[in-house]
Amino acid sequence: ARADDVLLCVSELVTNALLHGVPPGRGFRLHLYLEPADGTLRVEVHD
């Protein structure tokens, strides 16, 4: 239902990590959680 919003935010967070948070030669990790009980989708970008 909110895929467009989620995907735009994912693009922004990943781009920021690549430009500002990931040192050369390294990478980043994305975690995606869905809590079915309350319907919360959480996106985390770890750098």
ModelCIF file with pLDDT and N, C-alpha, C, O atoms, coordinates in Angstrom:
data_MODEL
#
_entry.id   MODEL 
#
_entity.id                         1 
_entity.type                       polymer 
_entity.pdbx_number_of_molecules   1 
#
_entity_poly.entity_id                      1 
_entity_poly.type                           'polypeptide(L)' 
_entity_poly.nstd_linkage                   no 
_entity_poly.nstd_monomer                   no 
_entity_poly.pdbx_seq_one_letter_code       ARADDVLLCVSELVTNALLHGVPPGRGFRLHLYLEPADGTLRVEVHD 
_entity_poly.pdbx_seq_one_letter_code_can   ARADDVLLCVSELVTNALLHGVPPGRGFRLHLYLEPADGTLRVEVHD 
_entity_poly.pdbx_strand_id                 A 
#
loop_
_entity_poly_seq.entity_id 
_entity_poly_seq.num 
_entity_poly_seq.mon_id 
_entity_poly_seq.hetero 
1 1  ALA n 
1 2  ARG n 
1 3  ALA n 
1 4  ASP n 
1 5  ASP n 
1 6  VAL n 
1 7  LEU n 
1 8  LEU n 
1 9  CYS n 
1 10 VAL n 
1 11 SER n 
1 12 GLU n 
1 13 LEU n 
1 14 VAL n 
1 15 THR n 
1 16 ASN n 
1 17 ALA n 
1 18 LEU n 
1 19 LEU n 
1 20 HIS n 
1 21 GLY n 
1 22 VAL n 
1 23 PRO n 
1 24 PRO n 
1 25 GLY n 
1 26 ARG n 
1 27 GLY n 
1 28 PHE n 
1 29 ARG n 
1 30 LEU n 
1 31 HIS n 
1 32 LEU n 
1 33 TYR n 
1 34 LEU n 
1 35 GLU n 
1 36 PRO n 
1 37 ALA n 
1 38 ASP n 
1 39 GLY n 
1 40 THR n 
1 41 LEU n 
1 42 ARG n 
1 43 VAL n 
1 44 GLU n 
1 45 VAL n 
1 46 HIS n 
1 47 ASP n 
#
_struct_asym.id          A 
_struct_asym.entity_id   1 
#
loop_
_ma_qa_metric.id 
_ma_qa_metric.mode 
_ma_qa_metric.name 
_ma_qa_metric.software_group_id 
_ma_qa_metric.type 
1 global pLDDT . pLDDT 
2 local  pLDDT . pLDDT 
#
_ma_qa_metric_global.metric_id      1 
_ma_qa_metric_global.metric_value   94.53 
_ma_qa_metric_global.model_id       1 
_ma_qa_metric_global.ordinal_id     1 
#
loop_
_ma_qa_metric_local.label_asym_id 
_ma_qa_metric_local.label_comp_id 
_ma_qa_metric_local.label_seq_id 
_ma_qa_metric_local.metric_id 
_ma_qa_metric_local.metric_value 
_ma_qa_metric_local.model_id 
_ma_qa_metric_local.ordinal_id 
A ALA 1  2 89.00 1 1  
A ARG 2  2 94.00 1 2  
A ALA 3  2 96.00 1 3  
A ASP 4  2 97.00 1 4  
A ASP 5  2 97.00 1 5  
A VAL 6  2 98.00 1 6  
A LEU 7  2 98.00 1 7  
A LEU 8  2 97.00 1 8  
A CYS 9  2 97.00 1 9  
A VAL 10 2 98.00 1 10 
A SER 11 2 97.00 1 11 
A GLU 12 2 96.00 1 12 
A LEU 13 2 96.00 1 13 
A VAL 14 2 96.00 1 14 
A THR 15 2 94.00 1 15 
A ASN 16 2 92.00 1 16 
A ALA 17 2 93.00 1 17 
A LEU 18 2 92.00 1 18 
A LEU 19 2 90.00 1 19 
A HIS 20 2 88.00 1 20 
A GLY 21 2 89.00 1 21 
A VAL 22 2 90.00 1 22 
A PRO 23 2 90.00 1 23 
A PRO 24 2 90.00 1 24 
A GLY 25 2 89.00 1 25 
A ARG 26 2 92.00 1 26 
A GLY 27 2 95.00 1 27 
A PHE 28 2 96.00 1 28 
A ARG 29 2 97.00 1 29 
A LEU 30 2 98.00 1 30 
A HIS 31 2 98.00 1 31 
A LEU 32 2 97.00 1 32 
A TYR 33 2 97.00 1 33 
A LEU 34 2 96.00 1 34 
A GLU 35 2 94.00 1 35 
A PRO 36 2 91.00 1 36 
A ALA 37 2 90.00 1 37 
A ASP 38 2 91.00 1 38 
A GLY 39 2 93.00 1 39 
A THR 40 2 96.00 1 40 
A LEU 41 2 97.00 1 41 
A ARG 42 2 98.00 1 42 
A VAL 43 2 98.00 1 43 
A GLU 44 2 98.00 1 44 
A VAL 45 2 97.00 1 45 
A HIS 46 2 96.00 1 46 
A ASP 47 2 95.00 1 47 
#
loop_
_atom_site.group_PDB 
_atom_site.id 
_atom_site.type_symbol 
_atom_site.label_atom_id 
_atom_site.label_alt_id 
_atom_site.label_comp_id 
_atom_site.label_asym_id 
_atom_site.label_entity_id 
_atom_site.label_seq_id 
_atom_site.pdbx_PDB_ins_code 
_atom_site.Cartn_x 
_atom_site.Cartn_y 
_atom_site.Cartn_z 
_atom_site.occupancy 
_atom_site.B_iso_or_equiv 
_atom_site.pdbx_formal_charge 
_atom_site.auth_seq_id 
_atom_site.auth_comp_id 
_atom_site.auth_asym_id 
_atom_site.auth_atom_id 
_atom_site.pdbx_PDB_model_num 
ATOM 1   N N  . ALA A 1 1  ? 0.814  -1.216 0.000  1.00 89.00 ? 1  ALA A N  1 
ATOM 2   C CA . ALA A 1 1  ? 0.000  0.000  0.000  1.00 89.00 ? 1  ALA A CA 1 
ATOM 3   C C  . ALA A 1 1  ? 0.850  1.270  0.000  1.00 89.00 ? 1  ALA A C  1 
ATOM 4   O O  . ALA A 1 1  ? 0.499  2.241  -0.670 1.00 89.00 ? 1  ALA A O  1 
ATOM 5   N N  . ARG A 1 2  ? 1.937  1.280  0.724  1.00 94.00 ? 2  ARG A N  1 
ATOM 6   C CA . ARG A 1 2  ? 2.800  2.476  0.804  1.00 94.00 ? 2  ARG A CA 1 
ATOM 7   C C  . ARG A 1 2  ? 4.153  2.232  0.142  1.00 94.00 ? 2  ARG A C  1 
ATOM 8   O O  . ARG A 1 2  ? 5.153  2.850  0.508  1.00 94.00 ? 2  ARG A O  1 
ATOM 9   N N  . ALA A 1 3  ? 4.174  1.338  -0.822 1.00 96.00 ? 3  ALA A N  1 
ATOM 10  C CA . ALA A 1 3  ? 5.432  0.944  -1.455 1.00 96.00 ? 3  ALA A CA 1 
ATOM 11  C C  . ALA A 1 3  ? 6.194  2.131  -2.041 1.00 96.00 ? 3  ALA A C  1 
ATOM 12  O O  . ALA A 1 3  ? 7.413  2.210  -1.890 1.00 96.00 ? 3  ALA A O  1 
ATOM 13  N N  . ASP A 1 4  ? 5.508  3.047  -2.701 1.00 97.00 ? 4  ASP A N  1 
ATOM 14  C CA . ASP A 1 4  ? 6.211  4.185  -3.307 1.00 97.00 ? 4  ASP A CA 1 
ATOM 15  C C  . ASP A 1 4  ? 6.928  5.026  -2.250 1.00 97.00 ? 4  ASP A C  1 
ATOM 16  O O  . ASP A 1 4  ? 8.076  5.425  -2.443 1.00 97.00 ? 4  ASP A O  1 
ATOM 17  N N  . ASP A 1 5  ? 6.247  5.294  -1.136 1.00 97.00 ? 5  ASP A N  1 
ATOM 18  C CA . ASP A 1 5  ? 6.869  6.063  -0.050 1.00 97.00 ? 5  ASP A CA 1 
ATOM 19  C C  . ASP A 1 5  ? 8.058  5.315  0.535  1.00 97.00 ? 5  ASP A C  1 
ATOM 20  O O  . ASP A 1 5  ? 9.118  5.900  0.759  1.00 97.00 ? 5  ASP A O  1 
ATOM 21  N N  . VAL A 1 6  ? 7.881  4.029  0.781  1.00 98.00 ? 6  VAL A N  1 
ATOM 22  C CA . VAL A 1 6  ? 8.951  3.210  1.355  1.00 98.00 ? 6  VAL A CA 1 
ATOM 23  C C  . VAL A 1 6  ? 10.159 3.197  0.421  1.00 98.00 ? 6  VAL A C  1 
ATOM 24  O O  . VAL A 1 6  ? 11.288 3.399  0.868  1.00 98.00 ? 6  VAL A O  1 
ATOM 25  N N  . LEU A 1 7  ? 9.933  2.962  -0.863 1.00 98.00 ? 7  LEU A N  1 
ATOM 26  C CA . LEU A 1 7  ? 11.039 2.862  -1.810 1.00 98.00 ? 7  LEU A CA 1 
ATOM 27  C C  . LEU A 1 7  ? 11.775 4.193  -1.972 1.00 98.00 ? 7  LEU A C  1 
ATOM 28  O O  . LEU A 1 7  ? 12.998 4.206  -2.113 1.00 98.00 ? 7  LEU A O  1 
ATOM 29  N N  . LEU A 1 8  ? 11.054 5.298  -1.955 1.00 97.00 ? 8  LEU A N  1 
ATOM 30  C CA . LEU A 1 8  ? 11.712 6.603  -2.034 1.00 97.00 ? 8  LEU A CA 1 
ATOM 31  C C  . LEU A 1 8  ? 12.578 6.841  -0.798 1.00 97.00 ? 8  LEU A C  1 
ATOM 32  O O  . LEU A 1 8  ? 13.708 7.315  -0.916 1.00 97.00 ? 8  LEU A O  1 
ATOM 33  N N  . CYS A 1 9  ? 12.059 6.518  0.375  1.00 97.00 ? 9  CYS A N  1 
ATOM 34  C CA . CYS A 1 9  ? 12.837 6.690  1.603  1.00 97.00 ? 9  CYS A CA 1 
ATOM 35  C C  . CYS A 1 9  ? 14.055 5.766  1.621  1.00 97.00 ? 9  CYS A C  1 
ATOM 36  O O  . CYS A 1 9  ? 15.135 6.175  2.048  1.00 97.00 ? 9  CYS A O  1 
ATOM 37  N N  . VAL A 1 10 ? 13.889 4.535  1.164  1.00 98.00 ? 10 VAL A N  1 
ATOM 38  C CA . VAL A 1 10 ? 15.023 3.608  1.069  1.00 98.00 ? 10 VAL A CA 1 
ATOM 39  C C  . VAL A 1 10 ? 16.097 4.205  0.163  1.00 98.00 ? 10 VAL A C  1 
ATOM 40  O O  . VAL A 1 10 ? 17.279 4.188  0.506  1.00 98.00 ? 10 VAL A O  1 
ATOM 41  N N  . SER A 1 11 ? 15.693 4.728  -0.982 1.00 97.00 ? 11 SER A N  1 
ATOM 42  C CA . SER A 1 11 ? 16.661 5.334  -1.908 1.00 97.00 ? 11 SER A CA 1 
ATOM 43  C C  . SER A 1 11 ? 17.417 6.479  -1.245 1.00 97.00 ? 11 SER A C  1 
ATOM 44  O O  . SER A 1 11 ? 18.634 6.591  -1.392 1.00 97.00 ? 11 SER A O  1 
ATOM 45  N N  . GLU A 1 12 ? 16.702 7.321  -0.521 1.00 96.00 ? 12 GLU A N  1 
ATOM 46  C CA . GLU A 1 12 ? 17.340 8.464  0.131  1.00 96.00 ? 12 GLU A CA 1 
ATOM 47  C C  . GLU A 1 12 ? 18.302 8.027  1.230  1.00 96.00 ? 12 GLU A C  1 
ATOM 48  O O  . GLU A 1 12 ? 19.417 8.542  1.319  1.00 96.00 ? 12 GLU A O  1 
ATOM 49  N N  . LEU A 1 13 ? 17.879 7.082  2.068  1.00 96.00 ? 13 LEU A N  1 
ATOM 50  C CA . LEU A 1 13 ? 18.747 6.636  3.167  1.00 96.00 ? 13 LEU A CA 1 
ATOM 51  C C  . LEU A 1 13 ? 19.990 5.923  2.640  1.00 96.00 ? 13 LEU A C  1 
ATOM 52  O O  . LEU A 1 13 ? 21.090 6.135  3.151  1.00 96.00 ? 13 LEU A O  1 
ATOM 53  N N  . VAL A 1 14 ? 19.823 5.086  1.628  1.00 96.00 ? 14 VAL A N  1 
ATOM 54  C CA . VAL A 1 14 ? 20.972 4.369  1.058  1.00 96.00 ? 14 VAL A CA 1 
ATOM 55  C C  . VAL A 1 14 ? 21.915 5.340  0.363  1.00 96.00 ? 14 VAL A C  1 
ATOM 56  O O  . VAL A 1 14 ? 23.133 5.239  0.513  1.00 96.00 ? 14 VAL A O  1 
ATOM 57  N N  . THR A 1 15 ? 21.362 6.275  -0.394 1.00 94.00 ? 15 THR A N  1 
ATOM 58  C CA . THR A 1 15 ? 22.211 7.265  -1.064 1.00 94.00 ? 15 THR A CA 1 
ATOM 59  C C  . THR A 1 15 ? 23.001 8.076  -0.047 1.00 94.00 ? 15 THR A C  1 
ATOM 60  O O  . THR A 1 15 ? 24.193 8.314  -0.240 1.00 94.00 ? 15 THR A O  1 
ATOM 61  N N  . ASN A 1 16 ? 22.353 8.502  1.031  1.00 92.00 ? 16 ASN A N  1 
ATOM 62  C CA . ASN A 1 16 ? 23.063 9.230  2.085  1.00 92.00 ? 16 ASN A CA 1 
ATOM 63  C C  . ASN A 1 16 ? 24.169 8.385  2.701  1.00 92.00 ? 16 ASN A C  1 
ATOM 64  O O  . ASN A 1 16 ? 25.264 8.885  2.959  1.00 92.00 ? 16 ASN A O  1 
ATOM 65  N N  . ALA A 1 17 ? 23.889 7.114  2.935  1.00 93.00 ? 17 ALA A N  1 
ATOM 66  C CA . ALA A 1 17 ? 24.923 6.230  3.494  1.00 93.00 ? 17 ALA A CA 1 
ATOM 67  C C  . ALA A 1 17 ? 26.104 6.130  2.541  1.00 93.00 ? 17 ALA A C  1 
ATOM 68  O O  . ALA A 1 17 ? 27.257 6.191  2.970  1.00 93.00 ? 17 ALA A O  1 
ATOM 69  N N  . LEU A 1 18 ? 25.826 5.979  1.259  1.00 92.00 ? 18 LEU A N  1 
ATOM 70  C CA . LEU A 1 18 ? 26.908 5.852  0.281  1.00 92.00 ? 18 LEU A CA 1 
ATOM 71  C C  . LEU A 1 18 ? 27.727 7.126  0.164  1.00 92.00 ? 18 LEU A C  1 
ATOM 72  O O  . LEU A 1 18 ? 28.950 7.074  0.037  1.00 92.00 ? 18 LEU A O  1 
ATOM 73  N N  . LEU A 1 19 ? 27.052 8.275  0.208  1.00 90.00 ? 19 LEU A N  1 
ATOM 74  C CA . LEU A 1 19 ? 27.762 9.546  0.049  1.00 90.00 ? 19 LEU A CA 1 
ATOM 75  C C  . LEU A 1 19 ? 28.471 10.012 1.312  1.00 90.00 ? 19 LEU A C  1 
ATOM 76  O O  . LEU A 1 19 ? 29.539 10.620 1.241  1.00 90.00 ? 19 LEU A O  1 
ATOM 77  N N  . HIS A 1 20 ? 27.873 9.727  2.473  1.00 88.00 ? 20 HIS A N  1 
ATOM 78  C CA . HIS A 1 20 ? 28.374 10.331 3.713  1.00 88.00 ? 20 HIS A CA 1 
ATOM 79  C C  . HIS A 1 20 ? 28.759 9.345  4.810  1.00 88.00 ? 20 HIS A C  1 
ATOM 80  O O  . HIS A 1 20 ? 29.461 9.725  5.747  1.00 88.00 ? 20 HIS A O  1 
ATOM 81  N N  . GLY A 1 21 ? 28.322 8.098  4.721  1.00 89.00 ? 21 GLY A N  1 
ATOM 82  C CA . GLY A 1 21 ? 28.494 7.209  5.859  1.00 89.00 ? 21 GLY A CA 1 
ATOM 83  C C  . GLY A 1 21 ? 29.329 5.969  5.639  1.00 89.00 ? 21 GLY A C  1 
ATOM 84  O O  . GLY A 1 21 ? 29.707 5.298  6.600  1.00 89.00 ? 21 GLY A O  1 
ATOM 85  N N  . VAL A 1 22 ? 29.624 5.653  4.391  1.00 90.00 ? 22 VAL A N  1 
ATOM 86  C CA . VAL A 1 22 ? 30.366 4.419  4.121  1.00 90.00 ? 22 VAL A CA 1 
ATOM 87  C C  . VAL A 1 22 ? 31.765 4.776  3.639  1.00 90.00 ? 22 VAL A C  1 
ATOM 88  O O  . VAL A 1 22 ? 31.920 5.345  2.558  1.00 90.00 ? 22 VAL A O  1 
ATOM 89  N N  . PRO A 1 23 ? 32.782 4.450  4.426  1.00 90.00 ? 23 PRO A N  1 
ATOM 90  C CA . PRO A 1 23 ? 34.163 4.723  4.003  1.00 90.00 ? 23 PRO A CA 1 
ATOM 91  C C  . PRO A 1 23 ? 34.531 3.908  2.759  1.00 90.00 ? 23 PRO A C  1 
ATOM 92  O O  . PRO A 1 23 ? 33.950 2.850  2.522  1.00 90.00 ? 23 PRO A O  1 
ATOM 93  N N  . PRO A 1 24 ? 35.483 4.389  1.973  1.00 90.00 ? 24 PRO A N  1 
ATOM 94  C CA . PRO A 1 24 ? 35.927 3.645  0.789  1.00 90.00 ? 24 PRO A CA 1 
ATOM 95  C C  . PRO A 1 24 ? 36.327 2.211  1.151  1.00 90.00 ? 24 PRO A C  1 
ATOM 96  O O  . PRO A 1 24 ? 36.950 1.963  2.183  1.00 90.00 ? 24 PRO A O  1 
ATOM 97  N N  . GLY A 1 25 ? 35.955 1.289  0.283  1.00 89.00 ? 25 GLY A N  1 
ATOM 98  C CA . GLY A 1 25 ? 36.291 -0.116 0.489  1.00 89.00 ? 25 GLY A CA 1 
ATOM 99  C C  . GLY A 1 25 ? 35.362 -0.853 1.439  1.00 89.00 ? 25 GLY A C  1 
ATOM 100 O O  . GLY A 1 25 ? 35.581 -2.031 1.720  1.00 89.00 ? 25 GLY A O  1 
ATOM 101 N N  . ARG A 1 26 ? 34.337 -0.187 1.936  1.00 92.00 ? 26 ARG A N  1 
ATOM 102 C CA . ARG A 1 26 ? 33.405 -0.808 2.876  1.00 92.00 ? 26 ARG A CA 1 
ATOM 103 C C  . ARG A 1 26 ? 32.016 -0.860 2.273  1.00 92.00 ? 26 ARG A C  1 
ATOM 104 O O  . ARG A 1 26 ? 31.826 -0.571 1.092  1.00 92.00 ? 26 ARG A O  1 
ATOM 105 N N  . GLY A 1 27 ? 31.050 -1.233 3.095  1.00 95.00 ? 27 GLY A N  1 
ATOM 106 C CA . GLY A 1 27 ? 29.685 -1.339 2.622  1.00 95.00 ? 27 GLY A CA 1 
ATOM 107 C C  . GLY A 1 27 ? 28.702 -0.934 3.695  1.00 95.00 ? 27 GLY A C  1 
ATOM 108 O O  . GLY A 1 27 ? 29.074 -0.390 4.735  1.00 95.00 ? 27 GLY A O  1 
ATOM 109 N N  . PHE A 1 28 ? 27.444 -1.209 3.425  1.00 96.00 ? 28 PHE A N  1 
ATOM 110 C CA . PHE A 1 28 ? 26.373 -0.903 4.369  1.00 96.00 ? 28 PHE A CA 1 
ATOM 111 C C  . PHE A 1 28 ? 25.431 -2.094 4.417  1.00 96.00 ? 28 PHE A C  1 
ATOM 112 O O  . PHE A 1 28 ? 25.425 -2.940 3.523  1.00 96.00 ? 28 PHE A O  1 
ATOM 113 N N  . ARG A 1 29 ? 24.645 -2.141 5.468  1.00 97.00 ? 29 ARG A N  1 
ATOM 114 C CA . ARG A 1 29 ? 23.674 -3.212 5.659  1.00 97.00 ? 29 ARG A CA 1 
ATOM 115 C C  . ARG A 1 29 ? 22.292 -2.584 5.794  1.00 97.00 ? 29 ARG A C  1 
ATOM 116 O O  . ARG A 1 29 ? 22.121 -1.585 6.492  1.00 97.00 ? 29 ARG A O  1 
ATOM 117 N N  . LEU A 1 30 ? 21.311 -3.174 5.124  1.00 98.00 ? 30 LEU A N  1 
ATOM 118 C CA . LEU A 1 30 ? 19.936 -2.737 5.251  1.00 98.00 ? 30 LEU A CA 1 
ATOM 119 C C  . LEU A 1 30 ? 19.151 -3.818 5.974  1.00 98.00 ? 30 LEU A C  1 
ATOM 120 O O  . LEU A 1 30 ? 19.198 -4.988 5.593  1.00 98.00 ? 30 LEU A O  1 
ATOM 121 N N  . HIS A 1 31 ? 18.430 -3.425 7.019  1.00 98.00 ? 31 HIS A N  1 
ATOM 122 C CA . HIS A 1 31 ? 17.528 -4.329 7.738  1.00 98.00 ? 31 HIS A CA 1 
ATOM 123 C C  . HIS A 1 31 ? 16.108 -3.883 7.446  1.00 98.00 ? 31 HIS A C  1 
ATOM 124 O O  . HIS A 1 31 ? 15.812 -2.688 7.435  1.00 98.00 ? 31 HIS A O  1 
ATOM 125 N N  . LEU A 1 32 ? 15.244 -4.835 7.213  1.00 97.00 ? 32 LEU A N  1 
ATOM 126 C CA . LEU A 1 32 ? 13.842 -4.562 6.940  1.00 97.00 ? 32 LEU A CA 1 
ATOM 127 C C  . LEU A 1 32 ? 13.013 -5.448 7.859  1.00 97.00 ? 32 LEU A C  1 
ATOM 128 O O  . LEU A 1 32 ? 13.136 -6.673 7.833  1.00 97.00 ? 32 LEU A O  1 
ATOM 129 N N  . TYR A 1 33 ? 12.162 -4.813 8.678  1.00 97.00 ? 33 TYR A N  1 
ATOM 130 C CA . TYR A 1 33 ? 11.327 -5.530 9.639  1.00 97.00 ? 33 TYR A CA 1 
ATOM 131 C C  . TYR A 1 33 ? 9.858  -5.225 9.357  1.00 97.00 ? 33 TYR A C  1 
ATOM 132 O O  . TYR A 1 33 ? 9.503  -4.093 9.029  1.00 97.00 ? 33 TYR A O  1 
ATOM 133 N N  . LEU A 1 34 ? 9.028  -6.224 9.485  1.00 96.00 ? 34 LEU A N  1 
ATOM 134 C CA . LEU A 1 34 ? 7.589  -6.013 9.475  1.00 96.00 ? 34 LEU A CA 1 
ATOM 135 C C  . LEU A 1 34 ? 7.014  -6.677 10.708 1.00 96.00 ? 34 LEU A C  1 
ATOM 136 O O  . LEU A 1 34 ? 7.171  -7.882 10.904 1.00 96.00 ? 34 LEU A O  1 
ATOM 137 N N  . GLU A 1 35 ? 6.353  -5.897 11.532 1.00 94.00 ? 35 GLU A N  1 
ATOM 138 C CA . GLU A 1 35 ? 5.683  -6.408 12.727 1.00 94.00 ? 35 GLU A CA 1 
ATOM 139 C C  . GLU A 1 35 ? 4.215  -6.626 12.368 1.00 94.00 ? 35 GLU A C  1 
ATOM 140 O O  . GLU A 1 35 ? 3.436  -5.673 12.354 1.00 94.00 ? 35 GLU A O  1 
ATOM 141 N N  . PRO A 1 36 ? 3.826  -7.880 12.075 1.00 91.00 ? 36 PRO A N  1 
ATOM 142 C CA . PRO A 1 36 ? 2.452  -8.136 11.643 1.00 91.00 ? 36 PRO A CA 1 
ATOM 143 C C  . PRO A 1 36 ? 1.396  -7.755 12.669 1.00 91.00 ? 36 PRO A C  1 
ATOM 144 O O  . PRO A 1 36 ? 0.290  -7.362 12.297 1.00 91.00 ? 36 PRO A O  1 
ATOM 145 N N  . ALA A 1 37 ? 1.715  -7.863 13.938 1.00 90.00 ? 37 ALA A N  1 
ATOM 146 C CA . ALA A 1 37 ? 0.715  -7.593 14.976 1.00 90.00 ? 37 ALA A CA 1 
ATOM 147 C C  . ALA A 1 37 ? 0.214  -6.152 14.945 1.00 90.00 ? 37 ALA A C  1 
ATOM 148 O O  . ALA A 1 37 ? -0.980 -5.906 15.116 1.00 90.00 ? 37 ALA A O  1 
ATOM 149 N N  . ASP A 1 38 ? 1.123  -5.196 14.727 1.00 91.00 ? 38 ASP A N  1 
ATOM 150 C CA . ASP A 1 38 ? 0.678  -3.802 14.710 1.00 91.00 ? 38 ASP A CA 1 
ATOM 151 C C  . ASP A 1 38 ? 0.850  -3.117 13.363 1.00 91.00 ? 38 ASP A C  1 
ATOM 152 O O  . ASP A 1 38 ? 0.532  -1.936 13.222 1.00 91.00 ? 38 ASP A O  1 
ATOM 153 N N  . GLY A 1 39 ? 1.351  -3.850 12.371 1.00 93.00 ? 39 GLY A N  1 
ATOM 154 C CA . GLY A 1 39 ? 1.468  -3.293 11.031 1.00 93.00 ? 39 GLY A CA 1 
ATOM 155 C C  . GLY A 1 39 ? 2.542  -2.240 10.871 1.00 93.00 ? 39 GLY A C  1 
ATOM 156 O O  . GLY A 1 39 ? 2.385  -1.319 10.070 1.00 93.00 ? 39 GLY A O  1 
ATOM 157 N N  . THR A 1 40 ? 3.642  -2.354 11.622 1.00 96.00 ? 40 THR A N  1 
ATOM 158 C CA . THR A 1 40 ? 4.741  -1.397 11.503 1.00 96.00 ? 40 THR A CA 1 
ATOM 159 C C  . THR A 1 40 ? 5.844  -1.988 10.632 1.00 96.00 ? 40 THR A C  1 
ATOM 160 O O  . THR A 1 40 ? 6.320  -3.096 10.877 1.00 96.00 ? 40 THR A O  1 
ATOM 161 N N  . LEU A 1 41 ? 6.238  -1.238 9.621  1.00 97.00 ? 41 LEU A N  1 
ATOM 162 C CA . LEU A 1 41 ? 7.349  -1.595 8.753  1.00 97.00 ? 41 LEU A CA 1 
ATOM 163 C C  . LEU A 1 41 ? 8.514  -0.681 9.116  1.00 97.00 ? 41 LEU A C  1 
ATOM 164 O O  . LEU A 1 41 ? 8.370  0.541  9.115  1.00 97.00 ? 41 LEU A O  1 
ATOM 165 N N  . ARG A 1 42 ? 9.671  -1.272 9.427  1.00 98.00 ? 42 ARG A N  1 
ATOM 166 C CA . ARG A 1 42 ? 10.856 -0.493 9.819  1.00 98.00 ? 42 ARG A CA 1 
ATOM 167 C C  . ARG A 1 42 ? 11.988 -0.773 8.846  1.00 98.00 ? 42 ARG A C  1 
ATOM 168 O O  . ARG A 1 42 ? 12.283 -1.925 8.526  1.00 98.00 ? 42 ARG A O  1 
ATOM 169 N N  . VAL A 1 43 ? 12.614 0.295  8.383  1.00 98.00 ? 43 VAL A N  1 
ATOM 170 C CA . VAL A 1 43 ? 13.768 0.235  7.491  1.00 98.00 ? 43 VAL A CA 1 
ATOM 171 C C  . VAL A 1 43 ? 14.948 0.796  8.264  1.00 98.00 ? 43 VAL A C  1 
ATOM 172 O O  . VAL A 1 43 ? 14.857 1.883  8.835  1.00 98.00 ? 43 VAL A O  1 
ATOM 173 N N  . GLU A 1 44 ? 16.055 0.066  8.286  1.00 98.00 ? 44 GLU A N  1 
ATOM 174 C CA . GLU A 1 44 ? 17.278 0.546  8.932  1.00 98.00 ? 44 GLU A CA 1 
ATOM 175 C C  . GLU A 1 44 ? 18.440 0.441  7.958  1.00 98.00 ? 44 GLU A C  1 
ATOM 176 O O  . GLU A 1 44 ? 18.615 -0.584 7.300  1.00 98.00 ? 44 GLU A O  1 
ATOM 177 N N  . VAL A 1 45 ? 19.231 1.500  7.866  1.00 97.00 ? 45 VAL A N  1 
ATOM 178 C CA . VAL A 1 45 ? 20.458 1.482  7.071  1.00 97.00 ? 45 VAL A CA 1 
ATOM 179 C C  . VAL A 1 45 ? 21.618 1.653  8.039  1.00 97.00 ? 45 VAL A C  1 
ATOM 180 O O  . VAL A 1 45 ? 21.750 2.680  8.704  1.00 97.00 ? 45 VAL A O  1 
ATOM 181 N N  . HIS A 1 46 ? 22.459 0.622  8.104  1.00 96.00 ? 46 HIS A N  1 
ATOM 182 C CA . HIS A 1 46 ? 23.609 0.586  9.014  1.00 96.00 ? 46 HIS A CA 1 
ATOM 183 C C  . HIS A 1 46 ? 24.871 0.904  8.216  1.00 96.00 ? 46 HIS A C  1 
ATOM 184 O O  . HIS A 1 46 ? 25.166 0.236  7.226  1.00 96.00 ? 46 HIS A O  1 
ATOM 185 N N  . ASP A 1 47 ? 25.619 1.926  8.647  1.00 95.00 ? 47 ASP A N  1 
ATOM 186 C CA . ASP A 1 47 ? 26.891 2.209  7.993  1.00 95.00 ? 47 ASP A CA 1 
ATOM 187 C C  . ASP A 1 47 ? 27.998 2.231  9.043  1.00 95.00 ? 47 ASP A C  1 
ATOM 188 O O  . ASP A 1 47 ? 29.161 2.453  8.709  1.00 95.00 ? 47 ASP A O  1 
#
